[in-house]
Protein backbone atom coordinates (compact mmCIF):
# COMPACT_ATOMS: atom_id res chain seq x y z
CA MET A 1 10.37 28.67 -14.35
CA CYS A 2 8.06 29.68 -11.50
CA ALA A 3 8.00 33.35 -10.58
CA LYS A 4 7.97 32.50 -6.88
CA HIS A 5 9.52 29.46 -5.26
CA PHE A 6 7.98 28.09 -2.10
CA ARG A 7 9.48 25.14 -0.29
CA HIS A 8 6.12 23.67 0.66
CA LYS A 9 2.53 24.30 -0.12
CA PRO A 10 -0.50 22.90 1.73
CA PRO A 11 -1.65 19.38 0.80
CA THR A 12 -4.27 19.06 -1.91
CA GLN A 13 -7.66 18.64 -0.30
CA LEU A 14 -9.59 15.49 -1.15
CA GLU A 15 -13.28 15.89 -1.93
CA GLN A 16 -13.83 12.33 -0.73
CA GLN A 17 -11.69 10.37 1.72
CA GLN A 18 -9.49 7.64 0.20
CA GLU A 19 -10.94 4.20 0.78
CA MET A 20 -7.75 2.26 0.19
CA LEU A 21 -5.93 0.66 3.08
CA LEU A 22 -2.64 -1.22 3.18
CA VAL A 23 -2.27 -4.75 4.53
CA VAL A 24 1.38 -5.36 5.38
CA PRO A 25 3.14 -8.53 6.55
CA ALA A 26 5.88 -8.59 9.15
CA LEU A 27 8.69 -6.84 7.29
CA LYS A 28 12.43 -7.36 7.77
CA SER A 29 13.00 -3.64 8.09
CA GLN A 30 11.18 -1.19 10.34
CA VAL A 31 12.52 1.46 7.95
CA ASN A 32 10.25 0.01 5.25
CA LEU A 33 7.23 0.20 7.56
CA ALA A 34 8.05 3.83 8.38
CA ARG A 35 8.35 4.61 4.67
CA LEU A 36 4.97 2.97 4.05
CA VAL A 37 3.45 5.13 6.80
CA ARG A 38 4.86 8.23 5.12
CA LEU A 39 3.51 7.04 1.76
CA ALA A 40 0.08 6.40 3.25
CA GLY A 41 0.02 9.84 4.86
CA CYS A 42 0.94 11.56 1.59
CA ALA A 43 -1.74 9.60 -0.30
CA GLY A 44 -4.51 10.27 2.20
CA ILE A 45 -4.64 6.61 3.28
CA ARG A 46 -5.67 6.53 6.91
CA ARG A 47 -5.09 2.90 7.87
CA ILE A 48 -2.38 0.22 7.72
CA ILE A 49 -2.92 -3.28 9.07
CA THR A 50 0.25 -5.22 9.82
CA SER A 51 1.18 -8.57 11.30
CA GLY A 52 4.63 -7.26 12.19
CA SER A 53 5.95 -4.61 14.50
CA ASP A 54 3.85 -1.50 14.83
CA LYS A 55 6.87 0.57 15.88
CA VAL A 56 7.50 3.37 13.43
CA ASP A 57 10.45 5.75 13.34
CA PRO A 58 8.85 9.22 13.33
CA LYS A 59 11.93 10.74 11.66
CA ILE A 60 11.32 8.56 8.60
CA ALA A 61 7.50 8.52 8.67
CA ARG A 62 7.43 12.28 9.32
CA ASP A 63 3.87 13.65 9.67
CA GLY A 64 2.39 10.37 8.42
CA VAL A 65 2.79 8.94 11.90
CA ASP A 66 0.21 11.47 13.16
CA HIS A 67 -2.35 10.74 10.45
CA VAL A 68 -2.18 6.98 9.79
CA LEU A 69 -3.66 4.41 12.14
CA ILE A 70 -1.48 1.29 12.42
CA GLU A 71 -3.32 -1.83 13.53
CA LYS A 72 -1.32 -4.89 14.54
CA ARG A 73 -2.89 -8.32 13.95
CA ARG A 74 -1.49 -11.77 14.61
CA SER A 75 -2.49 -13.22 11.23
CA LEU A 76 -3.51 -11.55 7.98
CA ILE A 77 -5.81 -14.24 6.56
CA PRO A 78 -8.68 -13.56 9.02
CA VAL A 79 -8.16 -9.83 8.44
CA LEU A 80 -8.47 -10.25 4.67
CA LYS A 81 -11.65 -12.31 5.03
CA LYS A 82 -13.16 -9.73 7.39
CA LEU A 83 -12.25 -6.88 5.05
CA ARG A 84 -13.91 -8.67 2.13
CA ALA A 85 -17.04 -9.23 4.23
CA SER A 86 -17.12 -5.48 4.94
CA GLY A 87 -17.01 -4.61 1.24
CA TYR A 88 -13.32 -4.25 0.47
CA HIS A 89 -11.90 -5.59 -2.79
CA ILE A 90 -8.73 -7.49 -1.82
CA VAL A 91 -5.86 -6.87 -4.25
CA ALA A 92 -2.44 -8.47 -3.89
CA LEU A 93 0.63 -6.72 -5.27
CA GLU A 94 2.44 -9.83 -6.46
CA GLN A 95 3.84 -11.36 -9.63
CA THR A 96 1.77 -14.46 -10.40
CA GLU A 97 0.74 -16.34 -13.53
CA SER A 98 -2.66 -14.61 -13.41
CA SER A 99 -1.72 -11.14 -12.19
CA GLN A 100 -2.83 -8.10 -14.16
CA VAL A 101 -0.41 -5.37 -15.16
CA LEU A 102 -0.77 -2.26 -13.02
CA TYR A 103 -0.93 -0.01 -16.11
CA ASP A 104 -4.15 -1.70 -17.26
CA TYR A 105 -5.77 -2.28 -13.87
CA ALA A 106 -8.88 -0.39 -12.74
CA PHE A 107 -8.98 -0.17 -8.96
CA GLN A 108 -12.22 -0.27 -7.03
CA ARG A 109 -12.55 2.66 -4.66
CA LYS A 110 -12.79 0.43 -1.58
CA THR A 111 -9.53 -1.53 -1.96
CA ALA A 112 -7.35 -3.34 0.55
CA LEU A 113 -3.88 -3.60 -1.00
CA LEU A 114 -1.96 -6.62 0.28
CA ILE A 115 1.77 -6.27 -0.16
CA GLY A 116 4.41 -8.94 0.23
CA HIS A 117 7.41 -9.52 2.43
CA GLU A 118 10.67 -8.09 1.07
CA GLY A 119 12.18 -11.51 0.35
CA ARG A 120 9.35 -14.05 0.35
CA GLY A 121 6.55 -12.09 -1.28
CA ILE A 122 2.99 -13.14 -0.46
CA PRO A 123 2.45 -16.73 0.75
CA ASN A 124 0.11 -18.98 -1.25
CA GLU A 125 -2.27 -19.23 1.73
CA GLU A 126 -2.85 -15.48 1.57
CA LEU A 127 -3.03 -15.42 -2.24
CA ARG A 128 -5.91 -17.90 -2.04
CA VAL A 129 -8.10 -15.34 -0.24
CA VAL A 130 -7.48 -12.31 -2.49
CA ASP A 131 -9.80 -11.19 -5.27
CA GLU A 132 -7.11 -10.21 -7.77
CA CYS A 133 -3.36 -9.85 -8.17
CA ILE A 134 -1.62 -6.94 -9.82
CA GLU A 135 2.02 -6.64 -10.80
CA ILE A 136 4.46 -4.04 -11.97
CA PRO A 137 6.45 -5.24 -14.98
CA VAL A 138 10.20 -5.55 -14.46
CA TYR A 139 12.44 -5.17 -17.49
CA GLY A 140 15.75 -6.19 -15.97
CA MET A 141 17.28 -7.68 -12.86
CA PRO A 142 16.45 -8.18 -10.06
CA HIS A 143 13.02 -9.73 -10.64
CA SER A 144 11.08 -7.23 -8.52
CA TYR A 145 11.12 -3.72 -7.10
CA ASN A 146 11.72 -2.92 -3.45
CA VAL A 147 8.53 -3.37 -1.41
CA VAL A 148 8.14 0.34 -0.72
CA THR A 149 8.91 1.34 -4.31
CA ALA A 150 6.35 -1.13 -5.69
CA THR A 151 3.73 -0.09 -3.14
CA THR A 152 4.34 3.56 -4.00
CA MET A 153 3.71 2.88 -7.69
CA ALA A 154 0.47 1.00 -6.93
CA VAL A 155 -0.77 3.64 -4.48
CA TYR A 156 0.07 6.40 -6.95
CA GLU A 157 -1.97 4.64 -9.64
CA TYR A 158 -4.90 4.28 -7.23
CA CYS A 159 -4.65 8.01 -6.41
CA ARG A 160 -4.43 8.89 -10.10
CA GLN A 161 -7.66 6.99 -10.71
CA PHE A 162 -9.43 8.54 -7.69
CA HIS A 163 -7.96 12.02 -7.51
CA LEU A 164 -11.18 13.57 -6.23
């Protein structure tokens, strides 16, 4: 047991800024977007690109809303192509026949993580422009984790690999 208990301590300082960004479709729930903003803030991710609403509940996103830039775009396919042209490795978090298991995946530092819609996942048109797909194995029902839960696991693994 710790000799002293403190409710909060300052965030761990990164030696190098995270180069991951999140690419998010229009989600059914603005709560999920707010949770993703909070996740991004905690992980040192500075940018989310979305094709949905850019309205974020600050009570849910907490301090993340002050540290994460949210960019709204009409369509994600041109965004993904532009990100690739600027050196990002485009990784989709989706269960496909060729997806790699997250446990075995080595992220590139400059990664754009494309996540899917809560119900529909990632459309085939978007999957055609990604570099790789990763998945988180599911051992029971339902077939997939909640979008924020899955994104949290993938972002955590990225941070574990690049904890500088």
